[in-house]
Amino acid sequence: MFRIAISSLADDGPRIVPEHRGTVLSVDEAVRAVLDRLPAVDPAAFTGRAVQDSVNRVNDFRRDVVADGHRYRVIIAPMM
């Protein structure tokens, strides 16, 4: 199982505001959930292979993205 956290990043400082949290069974489901939640983001940033490689290397996947003029931080991590 994997947990997903999507937070908005403030333009004027280090403030992070949680937007969405969820759990899924696989990396592919995690990628689909992120792209469903942020449809304007570049899908090339969230391939299943890139997410799995990051999880294997550093135990999570973190990416800051821009969608509809807003900045977001996306984290996908295995549930322990």
C-alpha atoms as a PDB file:
ATOM      1  CA  MET A   1       0.000   0.000   0.000  1.00  0.00           C
ATOM      2  CA  PHE A   2       1.057   3.554  -0.676  1.00  0.00           C
ATOM      3  CA  ARG A   3       0.036   6.859   0.842  1.00  0.00           C
ATOM      4  CA  ILE A   4      -0.426  10.019  -1.189  1.00  0.00           C
ATOM      5  CA  ALA A   5      -0.166  13.566   0.119  1.00  0.00           C
ATOM      6  CA  ILE A   6      -0.790  16.632  -2.042  1.00  0.00           C
ATOM      7  CA  SER A   7      -0.157  20.032  -0.473  1.00  0.00           C
ATOM      8  CA  SER A   8      -0.269  23.549  -1.855  1.00  0.00           C
ATOM      9  CA  LEU A   9       2.835  25.683  -1.468  1.00  0.00           C
ATOM     10  CA  ALA A  10       2.471  29.352  -0.586  1.00  0.00           C
ATOM     11  CA  ASP A  11       4.116  31.815  -2.959  1.00  0.00           C
ATOM     12  CA  ASP A  12       5.075  34.170  -0.149  1.00  0.00           C
ATOM     13  CA  GLY A  13       6.907  31.835   2.211  1.00  0.00           C
ATOM     14  CA  PRO A  14       7.545  28.330   3.480  1.00  0.00           C
ATOM     15  CA  ARG A  15       3.890  27.618   4.308  1.00  0.00           C
ATOM     16  CA  ILE A  16       2.548  24.233   3.170  1.00  0.00           C
ATOM     17  CA  VAL A  17      -1.212  23.601   3.271  1.00  0.00           C
ATOM     18  CA  PRO A  18      -2.497  20.002   2.995  1.00  0.00           C
ATOM     19  CA  GLU A  19      -4.960  19.594   0.118  1.00  0.00           C
ATOM     20  CA  HIS A  20      -5.481  15.847  -0.239  1.00  0.00           C
ATOM     21  CA  ARG A  21      -4.453  12.620   1.484  1.00  0.00           C
ATOM     22  CA  GLY A  22      -5.229   9.098   0.449  1.00  0.00           C
ATOM     23  CA  THR A  23      -4.064   5.515   0.209  1.00  0.00           C
ATOM     24  CA  VAL A  24      -3.867   3.159  -2.747  1.00  0.00           C
ATOM     25  CA  LEU A  25      -2.679  -0.382  -3.355  1.00  0.00           C
ATOM     26  CA  SER A  26      -0.056   0.156  -6.062  1.00  0.00           C
ATOM     27  CA  VAL A  27       2.279   2.693  -7.619  1.00  0.00           C
ATOM     28  CA  ASP A  28       0.172   2.793 -10.792  1.00  0.00           C
ATOM     29  CA  GLU A  29      -2.941   3.615  -8.754  1.00  0.00           C
ATOM     30  CA  ALA A  30      -0.980   6.341  -6.954  1.00  0.00           C
ATOM     31  CA  VAL A  31       0.055   7.915 -10.250  1.00  0.00           C
ATOM     32  CA  ARG A  32      -3.533   7.794 -11.549  1.00  0.00           C
ATOM     33  CA  ALA A  33      -4.832   9.357  -8.310  1.00  0.00           C
ATOM     34  CA  VAL A  34      -2.362  12.240  -8.546  1.00  0.00           C
ATOM     35  CA  LEU A  35      -3.171  12.885 -12.199  1.00  0.00           C
ATOM     36  CA  ASP A  36      -6.910  12.744 -11.439  1.00  0.00           C
ATOM     37  CA  ARG A  37      -6.484  15.246  -8.613  1.00  0.00           C
ATOM     38  CA  LEU A  38      -4.145  17.551 -10.602  1.00  0.00           C
ATOM     39  CA  PRO A  39      -5.170  17.120 -14.262  1.00  0.00           C
ATOM     40  CA  ALA A  40      -3.222  20.175 -15.452  1.00  0.00           C
ATOM     41  CA  VAL A  41       0.140  18.822 -14.284  1.00  0.00           C
ATOM     42  CA  ASP A  42       2.583  17.367 -16.814  1.00  0.00           C
ATOM     43  CA  PRO A  43       2.001  13.574 -16.747  1.00  0.00           C
ATOM     44  CA  ALA A  44       5.623  12.951 -17.710  1.00  0.00           C
ATOM     45  CA  ALA A  45       6.596  13.977 -14.178  1.00  0.00           C
ATOM     46  CA  PHE A  46       4.625  11.055 -12.735  1.00  0.00           C
ATOM     47  CA  THR A  47       5.480   7.838 -14.485  1.00  0.00           C
ATOM     48  CA  GLY A  48       5.081   4.623 -12.528  1.00  0.00           C
ATOM     49  CA  ARG A  49       8.723   3.766 -13.186  1.00  0.00           C
ATOM     50  CA  ALA A  50      10.022   7.111 -11.863  1.00  0.00           C
ATOM     51  CA  VAL A  51       7.898   6.813  -8.725  1.00  0.00           C
ATOM     52  CA  GLN A  52       8.968   3.213  -8.067  1.00  0.00           C
ATOM     53  CA  ASP A  53      12.656   4.008  -8.646  1.00  0.00           C
ATOM     54  CA  SER A  54      12.478   6.899  -6.172  1.00  0.00           C
ATOM     55  CA  VAL A  55      10.658   4.774  -3.590  1.00  0.00           C
ATOM     56  CA  ASN A  56      13.309   2.073  -3.945  1.00  0.00           C
ATOM     57  CA  ARG A  57      16.163   4.588  -3.627  1.00  0.00           C
ATOM     58  CA  VAL A  58      15.026   6.996  -0.906  1.00  0.00           C
ATOM     59  CA  ASN A  59      11.809   5.389   0.397  1.00  0.00           C
ATOM     60  CA  ASP A  60       9.461   8.000  -1.085  1.00  0.00           C
ATOM     61  CA  PHE A  61       8.719  10.108  -4.162  1.00  0.00           C
ATOM     62  CA  ARG A  62       8.555  13.898  -3.782  1.00  0.00           C
ATOM     63  CA  ARG A  63       7.943  16.362  -6.542  1.00  0.00           C
ATOM     64  CA  ASP A  64       6.994  20.039  -6.592  1.00  0.00           C
ATOM     65  CA  VAL A  65       4.746  20.800  -9.559  1.00  0.00           C
ATOM     66  CA  VAL A  66       2.760  23.697 -10.999  1.00  0.00           C
ATOM     67  CA  ALA A  67      -0.861  23.186 -12.026  1.00  0.00           C
ATOM     68  CA  ASP A  68      -3.312  25.935 -12.980  1.00  0.00           C
ATOM     69  CA  GLY A  69      -0.877  28.582 -11.744  1.00  0.00           C
ATOM     70  CA  HIS A  70      -0.581  27.074  -8.249  1.00  0.00           C
ATOM     71  CA  ARG A  71       2.398  25.221  -6.800  1.00  0.00           C
ATOM     72  CA  TYR A  72       1.911  21.830  -5.189  1.00  0.00           C
ATOM     73  CA  ARG A  73       4.096  19.280  -3.424  1.00  0.00           C
ATOM     74  CA  VAL A  74       3.239  15.662  -4.162  1.00  0.00           C
ATOM     75  CA  ILE A  75       4.511  12.844  -1.956  1.00  0.00           C
ATOM     76  CA  ILE A  76       3.979   9.148  -2.641  1.00  0.00           C
ATOM     77  CA  ALA A  77       5.390   6.781  -0.045  1.00  0.00           C
ATOM     78  CA  PRO A  78       4.939   3.165   0.981  1.00  0.00           C
ATOM     79  CA  MET A  79       2.940   2.552   4.130  1.00  0.00           C
ATOM     80  CA  MET A  80       5.004   0.869   6.800  1.00  0.00           C
END
